[in-house]
Amino acid sequence: MERIAQNGLVYYRFDQWQTVTHGIFTRVGGVSAAPFAALNLGGNVGDDPAAVRENHVRMYTALGVEDDRACTVWQVHSADVVVVRRPLDVRRWLARADAMVTDKPGLPLSMRFADCTPLLFHDPVRGVIGMAHAGWRGTVQGIGARTVKTMVNTYGCKPSDIQAGIGPSIGPERYQVGEEVVAAAYKYFGTLDDFIDRDPHDNTAYFDLWTANALDLRRAGVEQIEIAGMCTASNTAEFYSHRAEKGATGRFGAVICL
């Protein structure tokens, strides 16, 4: 990924998308006080709402997109996908869901993260973008594949045309999980190869969200996948990490726009 510093903010963008407006923002450059310092985009973590609103304005301004047209969802660790046609007049979030797709230019899609995996999508042939929030629950429900399916069914996309980016999240060496997560992963994928590793001393499980989501996308027919390979739990200077910071933290933002 390319690291960009602009007007005090720092964000990353995927190498494969030099002409697609997008960014995965770090926590650098906002106005929130500790423990949410500084560019916290999470409105339900206990931060000052005025600070969160200002952080949103700064993020959208950095990308040159319209704040009042930005669309988001109330993230609930589901596998539900929203087809976005316009912002709502009555509130900023569209629905309780964890993925969005659109073919509308100038309509930014935005979500928030703190260890869960940002999945970004672009079909340059049909002119469609998407974004998904993939924690372990979303991953084992196939949120990535369901986003691809929605792009195919709604806009006639071909999976082979869809490009996907797997953004910064908690890495495989830091994401220890319980046996209920392992069981759910096996039920969905039918295998644990390559994305569940066991500690040789106590046999506890570690989940590789990057590899699991890449497998899900490949099974859905996506061939062009870029993986950031950046661990949020190991880099709290730039990213919020719910696990590493024991829940007392904010949320970093991701945005994509045609």
C-alpha atoms as a PDB file:
ATOM      1  CA  MET A   1       0.000   0.000   0.000  1.00  0.00           C
ATOM      2  CA  GLU A   2       0.997   3.596  -0.559  1.00  0.00           C
ATOM      3  CA  ARG A   3       1.255   5.774   2.555  1.00  0.00           C
ATOM      4  CA  ILE A   4       0.044   9.348   2.070  1.00  0.00           C
ATOM      5  CA  ALA A   5       0.474  12.257   4.489  1.00  0.00           C
ATOM      6  CA  GLN A   6      -1.798  15.216   3.726  1.00  0.00           C
ATOM      7  CA  ASN A   7      -2.795  18.226   5.832  1.00  0.00           C
ATOM      8  CA  GLY A   8      -1.766  16.463   9.022  1.00  0.00           C
ATOM      9  CA  LEU A   9      -3.689  13.258   8.210  1.00  0.00           C
ATOM     10  CA  VAL A  10      -2.119   9.950   7.204  1.00  0.00           C
ATOM     11  CA  TYR A  11      -3.882   7.353   5.093  1.00  0.00           C
ATOM     12  CA  TYR A  12      -3.099   4.381   2.888  1.00  0.00           C
ATOM     13  CA  ARG A  13      -4.358   3.388  -0.521  1.00  0.00           C
ATOM     14  CA  PHE A  14      -4.023   0.197  -2.512  1.00  0.00           C
ATOM     15  CA  ASP A  15      -1.351   0.108  -5.203  1.00  0.00           C
ATOM     16  CA  GLN A  16      -3.786  -1.365  -7.753  1.00  0.00           C
ATOM     17  CA  TRP A  17      -6.140   1.651  -7.550  1.00  0.00           C
ATOM     18  CA  GLN A  18      -4.251   4.760  -8.589  1.00  0.00           C
ATOM     19  CA  THR A  19      -7.345   6.201 -10.296  1.00  0.00           C
ATOM     20  CA  VAL A  20      -9.988   5.175  -7.735  1.00  0.00           C
ATOM     21  CA  THR A  21     -10.693   7.653  -4.940  1.00  0.00           C
ATOM     22  CA  HIS A  22     -10.174   5.735  -1.708  1.00  0.00           C
ATOM     23  CA  GLY A  23      -8.264   5.734   1.534  1.00  0.00           C
ATOM     24  CA  ILE A  24      -7.833   3.704   4.688  1.00  0.00           C
ATOM     25  CA  PHE A  25      -7.127   6.314   7.312  1.00  0.00           C
ATOM     26  CA  THR A  26      -4.918   6.021  10.344  1.00  0.00           C
ATOM     27  CA  ARG A  27      -5.634   7.585  13.716  1.00  0.00           C
ATOM     28  CA  VAL A  28      -3.222  10.421  12.926  1.00  0.00           C
ATOM     29  CA  GLY A  29      -4.398  13.992  12.418  1.00  0.00           C
ATOM     30  CA  GLY A  30      -7.737  14.366  14.165  1.00  0.00           C
ATOM     31  CA  VAL A  31      -9.014  16.362  17.139  1.00  0.00           C
ATOM     32  CA  SER A  32     -10.177  13.654  19.575  1.00  0.00           C
ATOM     33  CA  ALA A  33      -8.613  13.505  23.043  1.00  0.00           C
ATOM     34  CA  ALA A  34      -7.107  10.379  24.588  1.00  0.00           C
ATOM     35  CA  PRO A  35      -7.900   7.513  24.637  1.00  0.00           C
ATOM     36  CA  PHE A  36      -9.499   8.225  21.250  1.00  0.00           C
ATOM     37  CA  ALA A  37      -6.623  10.325  19.949  1.00  0.00           C
ATOM     38  CA  ALA A  38      -6.772  11.522  17.329  1.00  0.00           C
ATOM     39  CA  LEU A  39      -8.774  10.810  14.122  1.00  0.00           C
ATOM     40  CA  ASN A  40     -11.524   8.756  15.745  1.00  0.00           C
ATOM     41  CA  LEU A  41     -14.483   8.111  13.432  1.00  0.00           C
ATOM     42  CA  GLY A  42     -16.465   6.000  15.905  1.00  0.00           C
ATOM     43  CA  GLY A  43     -19.557   7.731  17.227  1.00  0.00           C
ATOM     44  CA  ASN A  44     -20.496   5.081  19.793  1.00  0.00           C
ATOM     45  CA  VAL A  45     -17.264   4.662  21.753  1.00  0.00           C
ATOM     46  CA  GLY A  46     -17.660   7.516  24.250  1.00  0.00           C
ATOM     47  CA  ASP A  47     -15.863  10.256  22.347  1.00  0.00           C
ATOM     48  CA  ASP A  48     -17.074  13.867  22.084  1.00  0.00           C
ATOM     49  CA  PRO A  49     -19.612  13.925  19.194  1.00  0.00           C
ATOM     50  CA  ALA A  50     -18.320  17.306  18.001  1.00  0.00           C
ATOM     51  CA  ALA A  51     -14.805  15.898  17.726  1.00  0.00           C
ATOM     52  CA  VAL A  52     -16.050  12.860  15.815  1.00  0.00           C
ATOM     53  CA  ARG A  53     -17.965  15.094  13.393  1.00  0.00           C
ATOM     54  CA  GLU A  54     -14.888  17.255  12.790  1.00  0.00           C
ATOM     55  CA  ASN A  55     -12.805  14.127  12.184  1.00  0.00           C
ATOM     56  CA  HIS A  56     -15.268  12.987   9.528  1.00  0.00           C
ATOM     57  CA  VAL A  57     -15.084  16.370   7.805  1.00  0.00           C
ATOM     58  CA  ARG A  58     -11.278  16.195   7.784  1.00  0.00           C
ATOM     59  CA  MET A  59     -11.274  12.688   6.346  1.00  0.00           C
ATOM     60  CA  TYR A  60     -13.655  13.481   3.496  1.00  0.00           C
ATOM     61  CA  THR A  61     -11.872  16.753   2.764  1.00  0.00           C
ATOM     62  CA  ALA A  62      -8.548  14.913   2.444  1.00  0.00           C
ATOM     63  CA  LEU A  63     -10.028  12.785  -0.349  1.00  0.00           C
ATOM     64  CA  GLY A  64     -11.906  15.642  -1.990  1.00  0.00           C
ATOM     65  CA  VAL A  65     -15.324  13.995  -1.624  1.00  0.00           C
ATOM     66  CA  GLU A  66     -18.585  15.488  -0.357  1.00  0.00           C
ATOM     67  CA  ASP A  67     -19.215  14.946   3.328  1.00  0.00           C
ATOM     68  CA  ASP A  68     -22.978  15.439   2.998  1.00  0.00           C
ATOM     69  CA  ARG A  69     -23.230  12.683   0.365  1.00  0.00           C
ATOM     70  CA  ALA A  70     -21.260  10.090   2.328  1.00  0.00           C
ATOM     71  CA  CYS A  71     -23.097   6.848   3.041  1.00  0.00           C
ATOM     72  CA  THR A  72     -22.464   4.417   5.852  1.00  0.00           C
ATOM     73  CA  VAL A  73     -24.141   1.606   7.787  1.00  0.00           C
ATOM     74  CA  TRP A  74     -24.666   0.697  11.426  1.00  0.00           C
ATOM     75  CA  GLN A  75     -22.182  -2.175  11.620  1.00  0.00           C
ATOM     76  CA  VAL A  76     -23.518  -5.232  13.445  1.00  0.00           C
ATOM     77  CA  HIS A  77     -21.148  -8.084  12.430  1.00  0.00           C
ATOM     78  CA  SER A  78     -23.669  -9.439   9.932  1.00  0.00           C
ATOM     79  CA  ALA A  79     -23.371 -10.651   6.331  1.00  0.00           C
ATOM     80  CA  ASP A  80     -25.994  -8.200   5.054  1.00  0.00           C
ATOM     81  CA  VAL A  81     -25.217  -6.022   2.016  1.00  0.00           C
ATOM     82  CA  VAL A  82     -26.908  -2.698   1.171  1.00  0.00           C
ATOM     83  CA  VAL A  83     -27.293  -1.446  -2.402  1.00  0.00           C
ATOM     84  CA  VAL A  84     -26.663   2.302  -2.111  1.00  0.00           C
ATOM     85  CA  ARG A  85     -28.499   4.696  -4.426  1.00  0.00           C
ATOM     86  CA  ARG A  86     -28.550   7.907  -2.376  1.00  0.00           C
ATOM     87  CA  PRO A  87     -28.018   9.185   1.181  1.00  0.00           C
ATOM     88  CA  LEU A  88     -30.971   9.263   3.555  1.00  0.00           C
ATOM     89  CA  ASP A  89     -32.446  12.578   4.640  1.00  0.00           C
ATOM     90  CA  VAL A  90     -33.357  11.424   8.143  1.00  0.00           C
ATOM     91  CA  ARG A  91     -30.000   9.992   9.336  1.00  0.00           C
ATOM     92  CA  ARG A  92     -26.442   9.325   8.198  1.00  0.00           C
ATOM     93  CA  TRP A  93     -26.532   5.497   8.383  1.00  0.00           C
ATOM     94  CA  LEU A  94     -28.580   3.564   5.822  1.00  0.00           C
ATOM     95  CA  ALA A  95     -29.323   0.301   7.629  1.00  0.00           C
ATOM     96  CA  ARG A  96     -27.947  -2.220  10.095  1.00  0.00           C
ATOM     97  CA  ALA A  97     -25.568  -4.093   7.818  1.00  0.00           C
ATOM     98  CA  ASP A  98     -21.871  -4.693   7.152  1.00  0.00           C
ATOM     99  CA  ALA A  99     -21.390  -4.117   3.439  1.00  0.00           C
ATOM    100  CA  MET A 100     -22.385  -1.605   0.770  1.00  0.00           C
ATOM    101  CA  VAL A 101     -22.194  -1.474  -3.027  1.00  0.00           C
ATOM    102  CA  THR A 102     -22.990   1.300  -5.494  1.00  0.00           C
ATOM    103  CA  ASP A 103     -22.581   2.401  -9.107  1.00  0.00           C
ATOM    104  CA  LYS A 104     -23.328   6.057  -8.348  1.00  0.00           C
ATOM    105  CA  PRO A 105     -20.466   8.536  -8.970  1.00  0.00           C
ATOM    106  CA  GLY A 106     -19.781  11.016  -6.192  1.00  0.00           C
ATOM    107  CA  LEU A 107     -21.375   8.836  -3.509  1.00  0.00           C
ATOM    108  CA  PRO A 108     -18.664   7.970  -0.944  1.00  0.00           C
ATOM    109  CA  LEU A 109     -18.988   4.706   0.987  1.00  0.00           C
ATOM    110  CA  SER A 110     -17.491   4.846   4.466  1.00  0.00           C
ATOM    111  CA  MET A 111     -17.044   2.411   7.375  1.00  0.00           C
ATOM    112  CA  ARG A 112     -15.141   2.172  10.655  1.00  0.00           C
ATOM    113  CA  PHE A 113     -12.669  -0.386  11.994  1.00  0.00           C
ATOM    114  CA  ALA A 114     -10.499  -1.324  14.986  1.00  0.00           C
ATOM    115  CA  ASP A 115      -9.054  -4.812  14.242  1.00  0.00           C
ATOM    116  CA  CYS A 116     -11.795  -6.082  11.906  1.00  0.00           C
ATOM    117  CA  THR A 117     -10.851  -6.303   8.242  1.00  0.00           C
ATOM    118  CA  PRO A 118     -11.774  -3.638   5.682  1.00  0.00           C
ATOM    119  CA  LEU A 119     -12.688  -5.218   2.337  1.00  0.00           C
ATOM    120  CA  LEU A 120     -12.818  -2.810  -0.598  1.00  0.00           C
ATOM    121  CA  PHE A 121     -14.078  -3.639  -4.096  1.00  0.00           C
ATOM    122  CA  HIS A 122     -13.933  -2.091  -7.550  1.00  0.00           C
ATOM    123  CA  ASP A 123     -15.224  -3.316 -10.900  1.00  0.00           C
ATOM    124  CA  PRO A 124     -13.677  -1.007 -13.514  1.00  0.00           C
ATOM    125  CA  VAL A 125     -15.726  -2.590 -16.303  1.00  0.00           C
ATOM    126  CA  ARG A 126     -19.178  -1.958 -14.829  1.00  0.00           C
ATOM    127  CA  GLY A 127     -18.176   1.038 -12.741  1.00  0.00           C
ATOM    128  CA  VAL A 128     -19.140  -0.417  -9.360  1.00  0.00           C
ATOM    129  CA  ILE A 129     -17.537  -0.143  -5.932  1.00  0.00           C
ATOM    130  CA  GLY A 130     -18.146  -1.836  -2.609  1.00  0.00           C
ATOM    131  CA  MET A 131     -16.960  -2.029   0.968  1.00  0.00           C
ATOM    132  CA  ALA A 132     -17.375  -4.612   3.718  1.00  0.00           C
ATOM    133  CA  HIS A 133     -16.561  -4.974   7.411  1.00  0.00           C
ATOM    134  CA  ALA A 134     -15.184  -8.449   8.124  1.00  0.00           C
ATOM    135  CA  GLY A 135     -14.511  -9.422  11.706  1.00  0.00           C
ATOM    136  CA  TRP A 136     -14.483 -13.107  12.514  1.00  0.00           C
ATOM    137  CA  ARG A 137     -18.285 -13.263  12.450  1.00  0.00           C
ATOM    138  CA  GLY A 138     -18.536 -11.596   9.063  1.00  0.00           C
ATOM    139  CA  THR A 139     -15.706 -13.704   7.708  1.00  0.00           C
ATOM    140  CA  VAL A 140     -17.285 -17.013   8.677  1.00  0.00           C
ATOM    141  CA  GLN A 141     -20.618 -15.837   7.245  1.00  0.00           C
ATOM    142  CA  GLY A 142     -18.982 -15.029   3.905  1.00  0.00           C
ATOM    143  CA  ILE A 143     -19.428 -11.250   3.918  1.00  0.00           C
ATOM    144  CA  GLY A 144     -16.832 -10.925   1.153  1.00  0.00           C
ATOM    145  CA  ALA A 145     -18.477 -13.477  -1.119  1.00  0.00           C
ATOM    146  CA  ARG A 146     -21.914 -12.000  -0.430  1.00  0.00           C
ATOM    147  CA  THR A 147     -20.685  -8.568  -1.455  1.00  0.00           C
ATOM    148  CA  VAL A 148     -19.388 -10.026  -4.706  1.00  0.00           C
ATOM    149  CA  LYS A 149     -22.690 -11.837  -5.263  1.00  0.00           C
ATOM    150  CA  THR A 150     -24.600  -8.584  -4.765  1.00  0.00           C
ATOM    151  CA  MET A 151     -22.385  -6.826  -7.308  1.00  0.00           C
ATOM    152  CA  VAL A 152     -23.022  -9.663  -9.774  1.00  0.00           C
ATOM    153  CA  ASN A 153     -26.798  -9.855  -9.210  1.00  0.00           C
ATOM    154  CA  THR A 154     -27.459  -6.103  -9.036  1.00  0.00           C
ATOM    155  CA  TYR A 155     -25.085  -4.697 -11.630  1.00  0.00           C
ATOM    156  CA  GLY A 156     -24.147  -7.640 -13.837  1.00  0.00           C
ATOM    157  CA  CYS A 157     -20.522  -7.653 -12.705  1.00  0.00           C
ATOM    158  CA  LYS A 158     -18.265 -10.546 -13.599  1.00  0.00           C
ATOM    159  CA  PRO A 159     -16.269 -11.823 -10.604  1.00  0.00           C
ATOM    160  CA  SER A 160     -13.137 -11.984 -12.756  1.00  0.00           C
ATOM    161  CA  ASP A 161     -13.454  -8.216 -13.382  1.00  0.00           C
ATOM    162  CA  ILE A 162     -13.796  -7.355  -9.695  1.00  0.00           C
ATOM    163  CA  GLN A 163     -10.679  -6.126  -7.915  1.00  0.00           C
ATOM    164  CA  ALA A 164     -10.525  -6.491  -4.134  1.00  0.00           C
ATOM    165  CA  GLY A 165      -8.371  -4.953  -1.430  1.00  0.00           C
ATOM    166  CA  ILE A 166      -7.941  -6.519   2.017  1.00  0.00           C
ATOM    167  CA  GLY A 167      -6.958  -3.709   4.358  1.00  0.00           C
ATOM    168  CA  PRO A 168      -5.162  -3.386   7.694  1.00  0.00           C
ATOM    169  CA  SER A 169      -6.602  -5.454  10.536  1.00  0.00           C
ATOM    170  CA  ILE A 170      -5.420  -7.609  13.397  1.00  0.00           C
ATOM    171  CA  GLY A 171      -2.773  -9.962  12.059  1.00  0.00           C
ATOM    172  CA  PRO A 172      -2.520 -13.749  12.352  1.00  0.00           C
ATOM    173  CA  GLU A 173       0.171 -13.650  15.035  1.00  0.00           C
ATOM    174  CA  ARG A 174      -1.973 -11.506  17.356  1.00  0.00           C
ATOM    175  CA  TYR A 175      -5.496 -12.822  16.788  1.00  0.00           C
ATOM    176  CA  GLN A 176      -6.001 -15.591  19.347  1.00  0.00           C
ATOM    177  CA  VAL A 177      -9.522 -17.032  19.179  1.00  0.00           C
ATOM    178  CA  GLY A 178     -11.655 -19.565  21.008  1.00  0.00           C
ATOM    179  CA  GLU A 179     -12.760 -22.963  19.793  1.00  0.00           C
ATOM    180  CA  GLU A 180     -16.220 -21.638  18.928  1.00  0.00           C
ATOM    181  CA  VAL A 181     -14.589 -19.419  16.301  1.00  0.00           C
ATOM    182  CA  VAL A 182     -12.585 -22.347  14.944  1.00  0.00           C
ATOM    183  CA  ALA A 183     -15.756 -24.437  14.695  1.00  0.00           C
ATOM    184  CA  ALA A 184     -17.629 -21.651  12.900  1.00  0.00           C
ATOM    185  CA  ALA A 185     -14.755 -21.195  10.461  1.00  0.00           C
ATOM    186  CA  TYR A 186     -14.667 -24.904   9.680  1.00  0.00           C
ATOM    187  CA  LYS A 187     -18.440 -25.006   9.187  1.00  0.00           C
ATOM    188  CA  TYR A 188     -18.268 -22.233   6.575  1.00  0.00           C
ATOM    189  CA  PHE A 189     -15.014 -23.029   4.778  1.00  0.00           C
ATOM    190  CA  GLY A 190     -14.919 -26.827   5.171  1.00  0.00           C
ATOM    191  CA  THR A 191     -11.235 -26.562   6.016  1.00  0.00           C
ATOM    192  CA  LEU A 192      -8.896 -24.785   8.405  1.00  0.00           C
ATOM    193  CA  ASP A 193      -5.810 -25.085   6.230  1.00  0.00           C
ATOM    194  CA  ASP A 194      -3.643 -21.960   5.983  1.00  0.00           C
ATOM    195  CA  PHE A 195      -5.773 -19.669   8.174  1.00  0.00           C
ATOM    196  CA  ILE A 196      -5.916 -21.398  11.578  1.00  0.00           C
ATOM    197  CA  ASP A 197      -2.579 -21.896  13.325  1.00  0.00           C
ATOM    198  CA  ARG A 198      -2.018 -23.610  16.664  1.00  0.00           C
ATOM    199  CA  ASP A 199       0.378 -22.552  19.395  1.00  0.00           C
ATOM    200  CA  PRO A 200       2.799 -25.476  19.849  1.00  0.00           C
ATOM    201  CA  HIS A 201       2.853 -24.987  23.625  1.00  0.00           C
ATOM    202  CA  ASP A 202      -0.826 -24.775  24.595  1.00  0.00           C
ATOM    203  CA  ASN A 203      -2.634 -25.560  21.294  1.00  0.00           C
ATOM    204  CA  THR A 204      -4.588 -22.304  21.342  1.00  0.00           C
ATOM    205  CA  ALA A 205      -5.830 -21.135  17.957  1.00  0.00           C
ATOM    206  CA  TYR A 206      -4.819 -18.068  15.956  1.00  0.00           C
ATOM    207  CA  PHE A 207      -7.027 -16.858  13.091  1.00  0.00           C
ATOM    208  CA  ASP A 208      -5.593 -15.349   9.897  1.00  0.00           C
ATOM    209  CA  LEU A 209      -8.387 -13.061   8.720  1.00  0.00           C
ATOM    210  CA  TRP A 210      -6.407 -11.969   5.647  1.00  0.00           C
ATOM    211  CA  THR A 211      -5.978 -15.466   4.270  1.00  0.00           C
ATOM    212  CA  ALA A 212      -9.524 -16.548   5.154  1.00  0.00           C
ATOM    213  CA  ASN A 213     -11.086 -13.576   3.375  1.00  0.00           C
ATOM    214  CA  ALA A 214      -8.823 -14.051   0.362  1.00  0.00           C
ATOM    215  CA  LEU A 215      -9.971 -17.675   0.172  1.00  0.00           C
ATOM    216  CA  ASP A 216     -13.609 -16.584   0.391  1.00  0.00           C
ATOM    217  CA  LEU A 217     -13.110 -14.076  -2.420  1.00  0.00           C
ATOM    218  CA  ARG A 218     -11.265 -16.555  -4.643  1.00  0.00           C
ATOM    219  CA  ARG A 219     -14.062 -19.069  -4.173  1.00  0.00           C
ATOM    220  CA  ALA A 220     -16.462 -16.339  -5.301  1.00  0.00           C
ATOM    221  CA  GLY A 221     -14.441 -15.956  -8.494  1.00  0.00           C
ATOM    222  CA  VAL A 222     -12.371 -12.876  -7.632  1.00  0.00           C
ATOM    223  CA  GLU A 223      -8.877 -13.194  -9.068  1.00  0.00           C
ATOM    224  CA  GLN A 224      -7.399  -9.739  -8.423  1.00  0.00           C
ATOM    225  CA  ILE A 225      -6.763  -9.410  -4.682  1.00  0.00           C
ATOM    226  CA  GLU A 226      -4.314  -7.078  -2.935  1.00  0.00           C
ATOM    227  CA  ILE A 227      -3.584  -7.768   0.743  1.00  0.00           C
ATOM    228  CA  ALA A 228      -2.211  -4.923   2.856  1.00  0.00           C
ATOM    229  CA  GLY A 229      -0.624  -7.290   5.385  1.00  0.00           C
ATOM    230  CA  MET A 230      -0.635  -4.597   8.079  1.00  0.00           C
ATOM    231  CA  CYS A 231      -1.467  -5.600  11.669  1.00  0.00           C
ATOM    232  CA  THR A 232      -3.457  -3.056  13.656  1.00  0.00           C
ATOM    233  CA  ALA A 233      -2.692  -4.695  17.014  1.00  0.00           C
ATOM    234  CA  SER A 234       1.039  -4.386  16.361  1.00  0.00           C
ATOM    235  CA  ASN A 235       0.841  -0.775  15.191  1.00  0.00           C
ATOM    236  CA  THR A 236      -1.290   1.225  17.607  1.00  0.00           C
ATOM    237  CA  ALA A 237       0.741   4.335  16.808  1.00  0.00           C
ATOM    238  CA  GLU A 238      -1.131   4.466  13.487  1.00  0.00           C
ATOM    239  CA  PHE A 239      -4.237   2.324  13.966  1.00  0.00           C
ATOM    240  CA  TYR A 240      -6.856   1.745  16.625  1.00  0.00           C
ATOM    241  CA  SER A 241      -6.891  -1.811  17.983  1.00  0.00           C
ATOM    242  CA  HIS A 242      -9.758  -3.041  20.130  1.00  0.00           C
ATOM    243  CA  ARG A 243      -7.730  -6.091  21.172  1.00  0.00           C
ATOM    244  CA  ALA A 244      -4.399  -4.416  21.905  1.00  0.00           C
ATOM    245  CA  GLU A 245      -5.971  -1.416  23.650  1.00  0.00           C
ATOM    246  CA  LYS A 246      -8.444  -3.525  25.643  1.00  0.00           C
ATOM    247  CA  GLY A 247     -11.505  -1.814  24.193  1.00  0.00           C
ATOM    248  CA  ALA A 248     -10.566   1.727  25.281  1.00  0.00           C
ATOM    249  CA  THR A 249      -9.972   3.090  21.805  1.00  0.00           C
ATOM    250  CA  GLY A 250     -11.533   4.665  18.731  1.00  0.00           C
ATOM    251  CA  ARG A 251     -12.242   3.568  15.167  1.00  0.00           C
ATOM    252  CA  PHE A 252     -10.283   4.349  12.013  1.00  0.00           C
ATOM    253  CA  GLY A 253     -12.102   5.054   8.782  1.00  0.00           C
ATOM    254  CA  ALA A 254     -12.116   3.709   5.254  1.00  0.00           C
ATOM    255  CA  VAL A 255     -13.661   5.478   2.262  1.00  0.00           C
ATOM    256  CA  ILE A 256     -14.130   4.610  -1.415  1.00  0.00           C
ATOM    257  CA  CYS A 257     -15.876   6.708  -4.049  1.00  0.00           C
ATOM    258  CA  LEU A 258     -16.433   6.636  -7.807  1.00  0.00           C
END
